[in-house]
Amino acid sequence: MIRFAEKKDASQAIDLVMIVLKDMELDIFDKLSEDEVKNLLVTGFIEKPTHRYGYENALVKEIDGEVAGVAFGYPHHLEKNIDEGFFEILEQNNLPIEKYRLFTEEEAFDNEWYLDTLVTSPNHRGKGVAKELLNSLSELAIQSNLSIIGLNCDLVNDNAKRIYLNNGFEKSGEIDIAGHRYEHLQKHI
């Protein structure tokens, strides 16, 4: 079942986010252990629900009580402040924002509902989890008075790109995020 994330999903959802963040080779992993990063993100998920990886910005696909996949996203106009909650968590832990922030670049294009992160549990890949989550995003975009869903796909992630293209997304540009090049894909709904 696809549903809005809840606080109880924190550990499983952030475990999945960690897969993506480690693949992005973010600088924070040079400064903190994986467990430390995960603990910060779990705290943010629960205590700062409107930040980039907060539960209010997440949908989950649940299978037999397990988070099989998660999608985090938000309307483009929220991006400028999307990390404020995480910054507060960093400050509470005496970690300077400029040294420990996850991202510095803006990722969303104007006038789109932005899919920040979509990840399927390795235990549930090939079961249509990503497709189900993608298909559930249109309603969120429409509720935000937006008719475009946008996302960024790593140039070397052919499997993800294939899923997106097969679900109606088309390339609309390219962008650099954390030193990696991404294709920006959009779907008009």
Protein backbone atom coordinates (compact mmCIF):
# COMPACT_ATOMS: atom_id res chain seq x y z
CA MET A 1 0.00 0.00 0.00
CA ILE A 2 1.16 3.55 -0.78
CA ARG A 3 0.66 5.95 2.12
CA PHE A 4 2.00 9.13 3.63
CA ALA A 5 5.04 8.50 5.81
CA GLU A 6 4.69 8.51 9.57
CA LYS A 7 7.19 9.07 12.36
CA LYS A 8 7.39 5.30 12.92
CA ASP A 9 8.91 4.93 9.42
CA ALA A 10 11.98 6.99 10.30
CA SER A 11 14.65 4.31 10.57
CA GLN A 12 13.56 2.28 7.53
CA ALA A 13 12.96 5.34 5.33
CA ILE A 14 16.30 6.92 6.23
CA ASP A 15 18.10 3.60 5.66
CA LEU A 16 16.84 3.83 2.08
CA VAL A 17 17.82 7.51 1.74
CA MET A 18 21.31 6.59 2.93
CA ILE A 19 21.71 4.33 -0.11
CA VAL A 20 21.24 7.34 -2.39
CA LEU A 21 23.32 9.75 -0.33
CA LYS A 22 26.28 7.34 -0.19
CA ASP A 23 26.06 6.86 -3.97
CA MET A 24 26.26 10.66 -4.33
CA GLU A 25 29.58 10.63 -2.45
CA LEU A 26 28.59 13.65 -0.36
CA ASP A 27 31.28 15.46 1.63
CA ILE A 28 29.47 14.84 4.91
CA PHE A 29 30.62 11.20 4.78
CA ASP A 30 34.24 12.41 4.93
CA LYS A 31 33.47 14.15 8.23
CA LEU A 32 30.94 11.89 9.96
CA SER A 33 30.36 8.15 10.12
CA GLU A 34 27.37 6.62 8.32
CA ASP A 35 25.72 6.02 11.70
CA GLU A 36 26.18 9.67 12.69
CA VAL A 37 24.68 10.88 9.40
CA LYS A 38 21.79 8.44 9.75
CA ASN A 39 21.11 9.57 13.32
CA LEU A 40 20.97 13.23 12.22
CA LEU A 41 18.58 12.35 9.39
CA VAL A 42 16.34 10.19 11.58
CA THR A 43 16.12 13.05 14.08
CA GLY A 44 15.24 15.43 11.25
CA PHE A 45 12.67 13.02 9.80
CA ILE A 46 10.81 12.98 13.11
CA GLU A 47 11.45 16.40 14.68
CA LYS A 48 11.58 18.59 11.55
CA PRO A 49 8.84 17.03 9.41
CA THR A 50 8.88 19.67 6.67
CA HIS A 51 12.60 19.51 5.87
CA ARG A 52 13.88 17.76 2.73
CA TYR A 53 13.84 14.33 4.41
CA GLY A 54 11.05 14.97 6.91
CA TYR A 55 8.09 12.62 7.10
CA GLU A 56 5.63 15.23 5.82
CA ASN A 57 7.50 15.28 2.49
CA ALA A 58 7.48 11.50 2.08
CA LEU A 59 5.35 8.74 0.65
CA VAL A 60 6.12 5.12 1.41
CA LYS A 61 5.24 1.85 -0.21
CA GLU A 62 4.64 -0.66 2.55
CA ILE A 63 4.79 -4.42 2.00
CA ASP A 64 4.16 -6.76 4.93
CA GLY A 65 4.93 -4.02 7.46
CA GLU A 66 8.22 -3.09 5.80
CA VAL A 67 9.02 0.17 4.00
CA ALA A 68 9.69 -1.24 0.53
CA GLY A 69 10.27 2.15 -1.04
CA VAL A 70 10.15 5.84 -0.27
CA ALA A 71 9.68 9.03 -2.28
CA PHE A 72 10.55 12.48 -0.93
CA GLY A 73 9.45 15.61 -2.75
CA TYR A 74 7.98 19.09 -2.57
CA PRO A 75 6.76 22.00 -4.69
CA HIS A 76 9.65 23.97 -6.25
CA HIS A 77 8.87 27.16 -4.33
CA LEU A 78 9.69 25.44 -1.02
CA GLU A 79 13.23 24.54 -2.06
CA LYS A 80 14.91 27.72 -0.79
CA ASN A 81 14.01 26.76 2.79
CA ILE A 82 13.74 22.98 2.47
CA ASP A 83 16.89 22.32 4.52
CA GLU A 84 16.18 24.73 7.39
CA GLY A 85 15.01 21.92 9.67
CA PHE A 86 18.18 19.93 9.01
CA PHE A 87 20.26 23.05 9.68
CA GLU A 88 18.58 23.31 13.08
CA ILE A 89 19.49 19.68 13.81
CA LEU A 90 23.10 20.41 12.84
CA GLU A 91 23.20 23.44 15.15
CA GLN A 92 21.71 21.43 18.02
CA ASN A 93 24.63 19.02 17.57
CA ASN A 94 27.24 21.81 17.37
CA LEU A 95 27.95 21.04 13.71
CA PRO A 96 28.52 24.17 11.57
CA ILE A 97 26.00 24.34 8.72
CA GLU A 98 28.55 25.43 6.12
CA LYS A 99 30.69 22.36 6.87
CA TYR A 100 27.97 19.71 7.32
CA ARG A 101 25.12 20.68 5.03
CA LEU A 102 24.12 18.00 2.53
CA PHE A 103 23.50 20.18 -0.54
CA THR A 104 24.37 23.66 -1.73
CA GLU A 105 22.79 23.70 -5.19
CA GLU A 106 19.17 24.28 -6.07
CA GLU A 107 17.83 21.16 -7.77
CA ALA A 108 14.23 21.93 -8.71
CA PHE A 109 13.19 23.80 -11.84
CA ASP A 110 10.55 26.51 -11.69
CA ASN A 111 6.88 25.54 -11.68
CA GLU A 112 7.34 21.86 -10.90
CA TRP A 113 6.65 19.49 -8.07
CA TYR A 114 10.13 18.16 -7.41
CA LEU A 115 10.85 14.51 -6.66
CA ASP A 116 13.97 14.84 -4.55
CA THR A 117 14.59 11.18 -3.78
CA LEU A 118 13.04 7.89 -4.85
CA VAL A 119 14.54 4.65 -3.63
CA THR A 120 13.38 1.06 -3.44
CA SER A 121 14.64 -1.37 -0.82
CA PRO A 122 17.08 -3.89 -2.30
CA ASN A 123 14.72 -6.57 -0.92
CA HIS A 124 11.87 -5.30 -3.10
CA ARG A 125 13.47 -4.28 -6.38
CA GLY A 126 11.83 -5.57 -9.53
CA LYS A 127 8.38 -5.63 -7.92
CA GLY A 128 7.06 -2.36 -9.35
CA VAL A 129 7.58 -0.37 -6.16
CA ALA A 130 9.20 2.61 -7.92
CA LYS A 131 6.46 2.65 -10.56
CA GLU A 132 3.72 2.68 -7.90
CA LEU A 133 5.40 5.52 -6.04
CA LEU A 134 5.89 7.49 -9.27
CA ASN A 135 2.25 7.02 -10.22
CA SER A 136 1.15 8.38 -6.85
CA LEU A 137 2.98 11.70 -7.30
CA SER A 138 0.58 13.27 -9.79
CA GLU A 139 -2.03 13.83 -7.10
CA LEU A 140 0.51 15.63 -4.90
CA ALA A 141 1.53 17.90 -7.77
CA ILE A 142 -2.09 18.71 -8.60
CA GLN A 143 -2.81 19.48 -4.93
CA SER A 144 0.05 22.00 -5.14
CA ASN A 145 -1.47 23.54 -8.30
CA LEU A 146 1.42 22.26 -10.40
CA SER A 147 1.19 20.31 -13.64
CA ILE A 148 4.82 19.17 -13.93
CA ILE A 149 6.78 16.65 -11.88
CA GLY A 150 10.55 17.05 -12.11
CA LEU A 151 13.49 14.99 -10.92
CA ASN A 152 17.21 14.59 -11.42
CA CYS A 153 18.71 11.30 -12.56
CA ASP A 154 22.42 10.50 -12.36
CA LEU A 155 23.85 10.19 -15.87
CA VAL A 156 25.26 6.76 -15.04
CA ASN A 157 22.07 5.33 -13.48
CA ASP A 158 20.57 3.68 -16.55
CA ASN A 159 18.13 1.53 -14.55
CA ALA A 160 16.53 4.54 -12.87
CA LYS A 161 16.45 6.50 -16.12
CA ARG A 162 14.67 3.63 -17.86
CA ILE A 163 12.01 3.54 -15.12
CA TYR A 164 11.46 7.29 -15.41
CA LEU A 165 11.28 7.30 -19.21
CA ASN A 166 8.89 4.34 -19.17
CA ASN A 167 6.65 6.31 -16.80
CA GLY A 168 6.27 9.40 -18.97
CA PHE A 169 9.28 11.51 -18.02
CA GLU A 170 11.34 13.30 -20.68
CA LYS A 171 14.72 15.01 -20.51
CA SER A 172 14.45 18.78 -20.04
CA GLY A 173 18.03 19.70 -19.14
CA GLU A 174 21.12 18.86 -17.12
CA ILE A 175 22.36 20.01 -13.73
CA ASP A 176 25.37 19.54 -11.42
CA ILE A 177 24.66 18.40 -7.87
CA ALA A 178 27.44 17.75 -5.36
CA GLY A 179 30.02 17.43 -8.13
CA HIS A 180 28.02 14.95 -10.22
CA ARG A 181 26.18 15.56 -13.48
CA TYR A 182 22.46 14.73 -13.65
CA GLU A 183 19.79 14.80 -16.30
CA HIS A 184 16.72 16.78 -15.30
CA LEU A 185 13.60 14.89 -16.33
CA GLN A 186 10.04 16.17 -16.30
CA LYS A 187 6.58 14.70 -16.69
CA HIS A 188 3.61 16.84 -17.65
CA ILE A 189 0.38 15.74 -15.96
